[in-house]
N, C-alpha and C. Protein backbone atom coordinates (compact mmCIF):
# COMPACT_ATOMS: atom_id res chain seq x y z
N MET A 1 44.42 -3.56 56.81
CA MET A 1 45.41 -3.92 55.81
C MET A 1 44.78 -4.90 54.83
N PRO A 2 44.85 -4.60 53.53
CA PRO A 2 44.23 -5.52 52.56
C PRO A 2 45.05 -6.80 52.45
N SER A 3 44.32 -7.91 52.35
CA SER A 3 45.02 -9.20 52.28
C SER A 3 45.18 -9.68 50.85
N GLY A 4 44.49 -9.05 49.89
CA GLY A 4 44.55 -9.47 48.49
C GLY A 4 45.76 -8.90 47.79
N PRO A 5 45.87 -9.15 46.51
CA PRO A 5 47.02 -8.64 45.75
C PRO A 5 46.94 -7.11 45.64
N THR A 6 48.06 -6.50 45.66
CA THR A 6 48.11 -5.05 45.54
C THR A 6 48.42 -4.69 44.10
N LEU A 7 47.98 -3.53 43.68
CA LEU A 7 48.16 -3.12 42.30
C LEU A 7 49.42 -2.28 42.09
N LEU A 8 50.11 -1.97 43.14
CA LEU A 8 51.22 -1.05 43.02
C LEU A 8 52.42 -1.63 42.27
N GLY A 9 52.85 -2.80 42.59
CA GLY A 9 54.09 -3.32 42.02
C GLY A 9 53.88 -4.35 40.94
N ALA A 10 52.66 -4.77 40.65
CA ALA A 10 52.45 -5.89 39.74
C ALA A 10 51.84 -5.47 38.41
N GLN A 11 52.01 -4.25 38.00
CA GLN A 11 51.42 -3.82 36.74
C GLN A 11 52.33 -4.21 35.58
N GLN A 12 51.69 -4.74 34.51
CA GLN A 12 52.45 -5.10 33.32
C GLN A 12 52.02 -4.17 32.20
N TRP A 13 53.00 -3.49 31.61
CA TRP A 13 52.69 -2.51 30.57
C TRP A 13 53.10 -2.98 29.18
N GLU A 14 53.55 -4.23 29.05
CA GLU A 14 53.94 -4.73 27.74
C GLU A 14 52.67 -5.01 26.92
N PRO A 15 52.70 -4.76 25.64
CA PRO A 15 51.51 -5.04 24.81
C PRO A 15 51.31 -6.54 24.67
N VAL A 16 50.05 -6.92 24.61
CA VAL A 16 49.70 -8.32 24.42
C VAL A 16 49.32 -8.51 22.96
N VAL A 17 49.94 -9.47 22.31
CA VAL A 17 49.68 -9.72 20.90
C VAL A 17 49.03 -11.09 20.79
N LEU A 18 47.88 -11.12 20.16
CA LEU A 18 47.17 -12.38 19.94
C LEU A 18 47.40 -12.82 18.50
N HIS A 19 47.71 -14.09 18.31
CA HIS A 19 47.95 -14.62 16.97
C HIS A 19 46.84 -15.58 16.62
N LYS A 20 46.35 -15.45 15.37
CA LYS A 20 45.31 -16.34 14.89
C LYS A 20 45.98 -17.59 14.33
N ALA A 21 45.42 -18.74 14.65
CA ALA A 21 45.99 -19.99 14.16
C ALA A 21 45.75 -20.09 12.66
N ALA A 22 46.72 -20.61 11.93
CA ALA A 22 46.60 -20.77 10.49
C ALA A 22 45.58 -21.87 10.19
N PRO A 23 44.85 -21.73 9.06
CA PRO A 23 43.87 -22.76 8.72
C PRO A 23 44.56 -24.08 8.42
N LYS A 24 43.84 -25.16 8.65
CA LYS A 24 44.40 -26.50 8.47
C LYS A 24 43.56 -27.26 7.45
N GLY A 25 44.14 -28.26 6.85
CA GLY A 25 43.40 -29.12 5.92
C GLY A 25 43.11 -28.42 4.61
N LYS A 26 41.89 -28.58 4.10
CA LYS A 26 41.51 -28.01 2.82
C LYS A 26 41.54 -26.48 2.86
N ALA A 27 41.26 -25.91 4.00
CA ALA A 27 41.22 -24.45 4.11
C ALA A 27 42.61 -23.83 4.01
N ALA A 28 43.68 -24.63 4.17
CA ALA A 28 45.04 -24.10 4.14
C ALA A 28 45.51 -23.80 2.72
N LYS A 29 44.82 -24.23 1.73
CA LYS A 29 45.24 -24.04 0.34
C LYS A 29 44.93 -22.61 -0.09
N SER A 30 45.95 -21.85 -0.32
CA SER A 30 45.75 -20.49 -0.82
C SER A 30 45.63 -20.54 -2.34
N SER A 31 45.23 -19.44 -2.93
CA SER A 31 45.07 -19.42 -4.39
C SER A 31 46.41 -19.61 -5.09
N SER A 32 47.50 -19.12 -4.51
CA SER A 32 48.82 -19.31 -5.14
C SER A 32 49.23 -20.78 -5.11
N GLU A 33 48.92 -21.49 -4.02
CA GLU A 33 49.25 -22.92 -3.95
C GLU A 33 48.43 -23.72 -4.94
N VAL A 34 47.16 -23.34 -5.12
CA VAL A 34 46.31 -24.04 -6.08
C VAL A 34 46.82 -23.82 -7.49
N ASN A 35 47.20 -22.58 -7.83
CA ASN A 35 47.73 -22.28 -9.16
C ASN A 35 49.03 -23.03 -9.41
N ALA A 36 49.90 -23.12 -8.40
CA ALA A 36 51.17 -23.85 -8.56
C ALA A 36 50.91 -25.33 -8.81
N ALA A 37 49.92 -25.89 -8.13
CA ALA A 37 49.60 -27.30 -8.32
C ALA A 37 49.02 -27.53 -9.71
N LEU A 38 48.22 -26.60 -10.21
CA LEU A 38 47.65 -26.73 -11.54
C LEU A 38 48.75 -26.68 -12.61
N ARG A 39 49.76 -25.81 -12.41
CA ARG A 39 50.87 -25.71 -13.35
C ARG A 39 51.69 -26.99 -13.42
N GLN A 40 51.77 -27.69 -12.28
CA GLN A 40 52.56 -28.93 -12.23
C GLN A 40 51.77 -30.11 -12.77
N GLY A 41 50.46 -29.94 -13.00
CA GLY A 41 49.64 -31.03 -13.55
C GLY A 41 49.02 -31.91 -12.49
N VAL A 42 49.05 -31.49 -11.26
CA VAL A 42 48.46 -32.27 -10.18
C VAL A 42 46.94 -32.09 -10.24
N ALA A 43 46.22 -33.16 -9.97
CA ALA A 43 44.75 -33.07 -9.95
C ALA A 43 44.32 -32.27 -8.74
N VAL A 44 43.62 -31.15 -9.00
CA VAL A 44 43.18 -30.26 -7.94
C VAL A 44 41.66 -30.14 -8.01
N GLU A 45 41.04 -30.32 -6.89
CA GLU A 45 39.58 -30.19 -6.84
C GLU A 45 39.23 -28.92 -6.06
N THR A 46 38.57 -28.02 -6.72
CA THR A 46 38.12 -26.81 -6.05
C THR A 46 36.62 -26.69 -6.20
N SER A 47 35.99 -26.12 -5.20
CA SER A 47 34.54 -25.90 -5.28
C SER A 47 34.24 -24.53 -4.71
N LYS A 48 33.35 -23.83 -5.38
CA LYS A 48 33.00 -22.48 -4.95
C LYS A 48 31.64 -22.54 -4.26
N LYS A 49 31.57 -21.92 -3.12
CA LYS A 49 30.29 -21.87 -2.42
C LYS A 49 29.36 -20.95 -3.17
N MET A 50 28.07 -21.27 -3.13
CA MET A 50 27.09 -20.45 -3.84
C MET A 50 27.02 -19.09 -3.18
N ALA A 51 27.26 -18.05 -3.92
CA ALA A 51 27.25 -16.67 -3.44
C ALA A 51 28.21 -16.51 -2.26
N GLY A 52 29.31 -17.23 -2.29
CA GLY A 52 30.28 -17.16 -1.20
C GLY A 52 30.93 -15.79 -1.12
N GLY A 53 30.92 -15.20 0.04
CA GLY A 53 31.52 -13.90 0.25
C GLY A 53 30.65 -12.74 -0.21
N CYS A 54 29.41 -13.02 -0.55
CA CYS A 54 28.50 -11.97 -1.00
C CYS A 54 27.41 -11.77 0.03
N ASN A 55 26.72 -10.66 -0.11
CA ASN A 55 25.59 -10.39 0.78
C ASN A 55 24.28 -10.87 0.20
N LYS A 56 24.32 -11.56 -0.91
CA LYS A 56 23.10 -12.01 -1.56
C LYS A 56 22.74 -13.40 -1.08
N SER A 57 21.44 -13.72 -1.13
CA SER A 57 21.01 -15.04 -0.70
C SER A 57 21.36 -16.06 -1.77
N GLY A 58 21.27 -17.32 -1.43
CA GLY A 58 21.62 -18.38 -2.35
C GLY A 58 20.62 -18.55 -3.48
N SER A 59 19.43 -18.02 -3.35
CA SER A 59 18.40 -18.21 -4.36
C SER A 59 18.30 -17.01 -5.29
N VAL A 60 19.44 -16.43 -5.66
CA VAL A 60 19.44 -15.25 -6.51
C VAL A 60 18.90 -15.58 -7.89
N SER A 61 19.32 -16.71 -8.45
CA SER A 61 18.89 -17.04 -9.81
C SER A 61 17.40 -17.35 -9.86
N VAL A 62 16.86 -17.96 -8.81
CA VAL A 62 15.44 -18.26 -8.76
C VAL A 62 14.64 -16.98 -8.66
N ALA A 63 15.08 -16.05 -7.84
CA ALA A 63 14.36 -14.79 -7.66
C ALA A 63 14.42 -13.94 -8.92
N ALA A 64 15.49 -14.03 -9.68
CA ALA A 64 15.60 -13.24 -10.89
C ALA A 64 14.66 -13.76 -11.97
N ALA A 65 14.39 -15.07 -11.97
CA ALA A 65 13.52 -15.65 -12.98
C ALA A 65 12.05 -15.34 -12.70
N GLU A 66 11.66 -15.25 -11.45
CA GLU A 66 10.27 -15.00 -11.07
C GLU A 66 10.06 -13.52 -10.79
N PRO A 67 8.84 -13.03 -11.00
CA PRO A 67 8.57 -11.64 -10.61
C PRO A 67 8.61 -11.51 -9.10
N SER A 68 8.95 -10.35 -8.63
CA SER A 68 9.08 -10.15 -7.20
C SER A 68 7.73 -10.27 -6.50
N ALA A 69 7.77 -10.58 -5.23
CA ALA A 69 6.55 -10.73 -4.45
C ALA A 69 5.82 -9.40 -4.34
N ALA A 70 6.56 -8.30 -4.27
CA ALA A 70 5.93 -6.99 -4.17
C ALA A 70 5.15 -6.68 -5.45
N ARG A 71 5.71 -7.05 -6.58
CA ARG A 71 5.02 -6.80 -7.84
C ARG A 71 3.76 -7.65 -7.92
N LYS A 72 3.82 -8.89 -7.46
CA LYS A 72 2.64 -9.75 -7.46
C LYS A 72 1.54 -9.14 -6.61
N LEU A 73 1.91 -8.60 -5.45
CA LEU A 73 0.91 -7.98 -4.59
C LEU A 73 0.33 -6.73 -5.23
N ASP A 74 1.16 -5.96 -5.93
CA ASP A 74 0.65 -4.76 -6.59
C ASP A 74 -0.31 -5.09 -7.72
N GLU A 75 -0.04 -6.18 -8.42
CA GLU A 75 -0.89 -6.57 -9.54
C GLU A 75 -2.18 -7.24 -9.08
N GLN A 76 -2.26 -7.62 -7.82
CA GLN A 76 -3.45 -8.28 -7.28
C GLN A 76 -4.61 -7.30 -7.23
N THR A 77 -5.71 -7.64 -7.87
CA THR A 77 -6.87 -6.75 -7.87
C THR A 77 -8.02 -7.33 -7.07
N GLU A 78 -7.96 -8.61 -6.76
CA GLU A 78 -9.05 -9.25 -6.04
C GLU A 78 -9.02 -8.82 -4.58
N ALA A 79 -10.18 -8.48 -4.04
CA ALA A 79 -10.27 -8.06 -2.64
C ALA A 79 -10.58 -9.28 -1.78
N PHE A 80 -9.78 -9.50 -0.78
CA PHE A 80 -9.97 -10.63 0.13
C PHE A 80 -10.56 -10.12 1.43
N ARG A 81 -11.53 -10.85 1.95
CA ARG A 81 -12.15 -10.49 3.22
C ARG A 81 -12.35 -11.74 4.05
N HIS A 82 -12.33 -11.58 5.36
CA HIS A 82 -12.61 -12.69 6.25
C HIS A 82 -14.09 -13.01 6.19
N LYS A 83 -14.42 -14.28 6.37
CA LYS A 83 -15.82 -14.66 6.44
C LYS A 83 -16.37 -14.20 7.79
N THR A 84 -17.53 -13.60 7.76
CA THR A 84 -18.18 -13.16 9.00
C THR A 84 -19.52 -13.87 9.10
N VAL A 85 -20.16 -13.74 10.25
CA VAL A 85 -21.45 -14.40 10.46
C VAL A 85 -22.51 -13.73 9.59
N SER A 86 -23.51 -14.52 9.19
CA SER A 86 -24.55 -14.01 8.30
C SER A 86 -25.55 -13.15 9.07
N HIS A 87 -26.36 -12.43 8.32
CA HIS A 87 -27.40 -11.57 8.92
C HIS A 87 -28.43 -12.42 9.67
N ASP A 88 -28.79 -13.60 9.07
CA ASP A 88 -29.75 -14.50 9.73
C ASP A 88 -29.21 -14.97 11.08
N PHE A 89 -27.92 -15.31 11.12
CA PHE A 89 -27.32 -15.79 12.37
C PHE A 89 -27.35 -14.72 13.44
N LYS A 90 -26.91 -13.51 13.09
CA LYS A 90 -26.84 -12.47 14.12
C LYS A 90 -28.22 -12.09 14.63
N MET A 91 -29.25 -12.09 13.77
CA MET A 91 -30.61 -11.78 14.23
C MET A 91 -31.15 -12.90 15.11
N ALA A 92 -30.89 -14.17 14.73
CA ALA A 92 -31.36 -15.30 15.53
C ALA A 92 -30.69 -15.31 16.89
N LEU A 93 -29.42 -14.98 16.95
CA LEU A 93 -28.71 -14.93 18.22
C LEU A 93 -29.28 -13.85 19.12
N GLN A 94 -29.52 -12.69 18.55
CA GLN A 94 -30.06 -11.58 19.34
C GLN A 94 -31.46 -11.89 19.84
N GLN A 95 -32.32 -12.47 18.99
CA GLN A 95 -33.68 -12.81 19.41
C GLN A 95 -33.69 -13.88 20.48
N ALA A 96 -32.82 -14.90 20.35
CA ALA A 96 -32.76 -15.96 21.34
C ALA A 96 -32.27 -15.42 22.68
N ARG A 97 -31.29 -14.50 22.64
CA ARG A 97 -30.78 -13.91 23.89
C ARG A 97 -31.85 -13.06 24.56
N LEU A 98 -32.59 -12.28 23.78
CA LEU A 98 -33.65 -11.44 24.35
C LEU A 98 -34.82 -12.28 24.86
N ALA A 99 -35.09 -13.42 24.23
CA ALA A 99 -36.17 -14.30 24.67
C ALA A 99 -35.86 -14.89 26.05
N LYS A 100 -34.57 -15.13 26.31
CA LYS A 100 -34.17 -15.64 27.63
C LYS A 100 -33.93 -14.51 28.61
N LYS A 101 -34.12 -13.25 28.16
CA LYS A 101 -33.95 -12.06 28.99
C LYS A 101 -32.54 -11.98 29.58
N LEU A 102 -31.56 -12.18 28.71
CA LEU A 102 -30.16 -12.10 29.12
C LEU A 102 -29.52 -10.88 28.46
N SER A 103 -28.60 -10.26 29.16
CA SER A 103 -27.79 -9.22 28.54
C SER A 103 -26.61 -9.91 27.84
N GLN A 104 -25.88 -9.12 27.04
CA GLN A 104 -24.71 -9.70 26.36
C GLN A 104 -23.68 -10.16 27.38
N GLY A 105 -23.50 -9.42 28.45
CA GLY A 105 -22.54 -9.79 29.49
C GLY A 105 -22.94 -11.06 30.21
N GLN A 106 -24.24 -11.19 30.51
CA GLN A 106 -24.71 -12.40 31.20
C GLN A 106 -24.54 -13.63 30.31
N LEU A 107 -24.87 -13.49 29.01
CA LEU A 107 -24.70 -14.61 28.09
C LEU A 107 -23.22 -14.97 27.95
N ALA A 108 -22.38 -13.95 27.95
CA ALA A 108 -20.94 -14.19 27.82
C ALA A 108 -20.40 -14.98 29.02
N THR A 109 -20.82 -14.62 30.23
CA THR A 109 -20.34 -15.36 31.40
C THR A 109 -20.91 -16.78 31.41
N GLU A 110 -22.10 -16.97 30.84
CA GLU A 110 -22.70 -18.30 30.81
C GLU A 110 -21.93 -19.24 29.87
N VAL A 111 -21.37 -18.68 28.80
CA VAL A 111 -20.62 -19.51 27.85
C VAL A 111 -19.11 -19.36 28.01
N ASN A 112 -18.67 -18.68 29.08
CA ASN A 112 -17.25 -18.49 29.39
C ASN A 112 -16.51 -17.77 28.26
N GLU A 113 -17.08 -16.71 27.75
CA GLU A 113 -16.45 -15.87 26.73
C GLU A 113 -16.51 -14.43 27.20
N LYS A 114 -15.82 -13.54 26.49
CA LYS A 114 -15.89 -12.12 26.81
C LYS A 114 -17.17 -11.54 26.23
N SER A 115 -17.66 -10.47 26.83
CA SER A 115 -18.87 -9.84 26.31
C SER A 115 -18.63 -9.23 24.94
N SER A 116 -17.37 -8.87 24.64
CA SER A 116 -17.06 -8.32 23.32
C SER A 116 -17.26 -9.36 22.23
N VAL A 117 -17.06 -10.65 22.55
CA VAL A 117 -17.27 -11.71 21.57
C VAL A 117 -18.75 -11.78 21.20
N ILE A 118 -19.63 -11.72 22.20
CA ILE A 118 -21.07 -11.76 21.95
C ILE A 118 -21.48 -10.53 21.14
N HIS A 119 -20.92 -9.37 21.50
CA HIS A 119 -21.23 -8.14 20.77
C HIS A 119 -20.81 -8.25 19.30
N GLU A 120 -19.63 -8.82 19.03
CA GLU A 120 -19.16 -8.97 17.66
C GLU A 120 -20.04 -9.93 16.86
N TYR A 121 -20.50 -11.02 17.50
CA TYR A 121 -21.40 -11.94 16.81
C TYR A 121 -22.72 -11.25 16.48
N GLU A 122 -23.25 -10.47 17.40
CA GLU A 122 -24.53 -9.80 17.16
C GLU A 122 -24.38 -8.64 16.18
N ALA A 123 -23.20 -8.05 16.08
CA ALA A 123 -22.97 -6.97 15.13
C ALA A 123 -22.62 -7.50 13.74
N GLY A 124 -22.34 -8.80 13.64
CA GLY A 124 -22.00 -9.40 12.36
C GLY A 124 -20.55 -9.21 11.98
N LYS A 125 -19.70 -8.85 12.92
CA LYS A 125 -18.28 -8.60 12.63
C LYS A 125 -17.38 -9.79 12.99
N ALA A 126 -17.92 -10.76 13.71
CA ALA A 126 -17.10 -11.86 14.21
C ALA A 126 -16.80 -12.87 13.12
N ILE A 127 -15.63 -13.45 13.21
CA ILE A 127 -15.25 -14.57 12.35
C ILE A 127 -15.83 -15.82 13.01
N PRO A 128 -16.62 -16.63 12.29
CA PRO A 128 -17.29 -17.77 12.92
C PRO A 128 -16.31 -18.76 13.55
N ASN A 129 -16.62 -19.16 14.77
CA ASN A 129 -15.83 -20.15 15.49
C ASN A 129 -16.81 -21.23 15.95
N GLY A 130 -16.60 -22.45 15.48
CA GLY A 130 -17.54 -23.54 15.77
C GLY A 130 -17.70 -23.82 17.25
N ALA A 131 -16.63 -23.71 18.02
CA ALA A 131 -16.70 -23.99 19.45
C ALA A 131 -17.59 -22.96 20.15
N VAL A 132 -17.44 -21.68 19.80
CA VAL A 132 -18.25 -20.63 20.43
C VAL A 132 -19.71 -20.79 20.03
N ILE A 133 -19.96 -21.10 18.77
CA ILE A 133 -21.34 -21.26 18.30
C ILE A 133 -22.02 -22.43 18.99
N SER A 134 -21.30 -23.53 19.18
CA SER A 134 -21.91 -24.67 19.88
C SER A 134 -22.17 -24.35 21.35
N LYS A 135 -21.30 -23.54 21.98
CA LYS A 135 -21.56 -23.10 23.36
C LYS A 135 -22.82 -22.25 23.42
N LEU A 136 -22.99 -21.36 22.43
CA LEU A 136 -24.18 -20.52 22.39
C LEU A 136 -25.44 -21.36 22.19
N ASN A 137 -25.37 -22.36 21.32
CA ASN A 137 -26.52 -23.24 21.09
C ASN A 137 -26.92 -23.95 22.38
N ARG A 138 -25.93 -24.47 23.12
CA ARG A 138 -26.23 -25.19 24.36
C ARG A 138 -26.76 -24.26 25.44
N ALA A 139 -26.18 -23.08 25.56
CA ALA A 139 -26.56 -22.16 26.62
C ALA A 139 -27.98 -21.64 26.44
N MET A 140 -28.40 -21.42 25.20
CA MET A 140 -29.73 -20.85 24.97
C MET A 140 -30.76 -21.89 24.61
N GLY A 141 -30.33 -23.13 24.38
CA GLY A 141 -31.27 -24.21 24.10
C GLY A 141 -31.94 -24.08 22.73
N VAL A 142 -31.29 -23.43 21.80
CA VAL A 142 -31.83 -23.28 20.45
C VAL A 142 -30.78 -23.74 19.44
N ARG A 143 -31.23 -23.93 18.21
CA ARG A 143 -30.31 -24.28 17.12
C ARG A 143 -30.19 -23.04 16.24
N LEU A 144 -29.06 -22.38 16.33
CA LEU A 144 -28.83 -21.17 15.53
C LEU A 144 -28.51 -21.57 14.10
N PRO A 145 -28.87 -20.73 13.11
CA PRO A 145 -28.55 -21.06 11.71
C PRO A 145 -27.05 -21.10 11.49
N ARG A 146 -26.67 -21.72 10.40
CA ARG A 146 -25.23 -21.80 10.08
C ARG A 146 -24.65 -20.40 9.91
N ALA A 147 -23.46 -20.18 10.46
CA ALA A 147 -22.79 -18.88 10.36
C ALA A 147 -21.99 -18.83 9.10
N LYS A 148 -22.61 -18.54 7.98
CA LYS A 148 -21.96 -18.58 6.66
C LYS A 148 -20.93 -17.53 6.52
């Protein structure tokens, strides 16, 4: 025998109506109340929010005055590239590694980096990182040229 409430006799079929509380304070002033106060000569202060009730951002006027960012990008003709290591650096790194008879993987484990990092430096594709370059200098006991 169930000890909890039973559903047979306690069902309520009346609709439930929820009422929203009316706004209070400044928000309670409707446009008709504001117009009535203006007709009577009462000092009324109203302020409109910028782009209130619209889907537009607040900086509409600023964006209209300036060209769009997409147009700026389209007009851009200069090619930007990341700085990579120089040819002198990659050759010096490869020669120093071969002089110590190390593979790229062995050198990578010695400096606590991935072997792909060493491969990228030797291929000239890596973006220079001062910390990695100083580790390589210490591990091989040489002074590598600046990675321009």
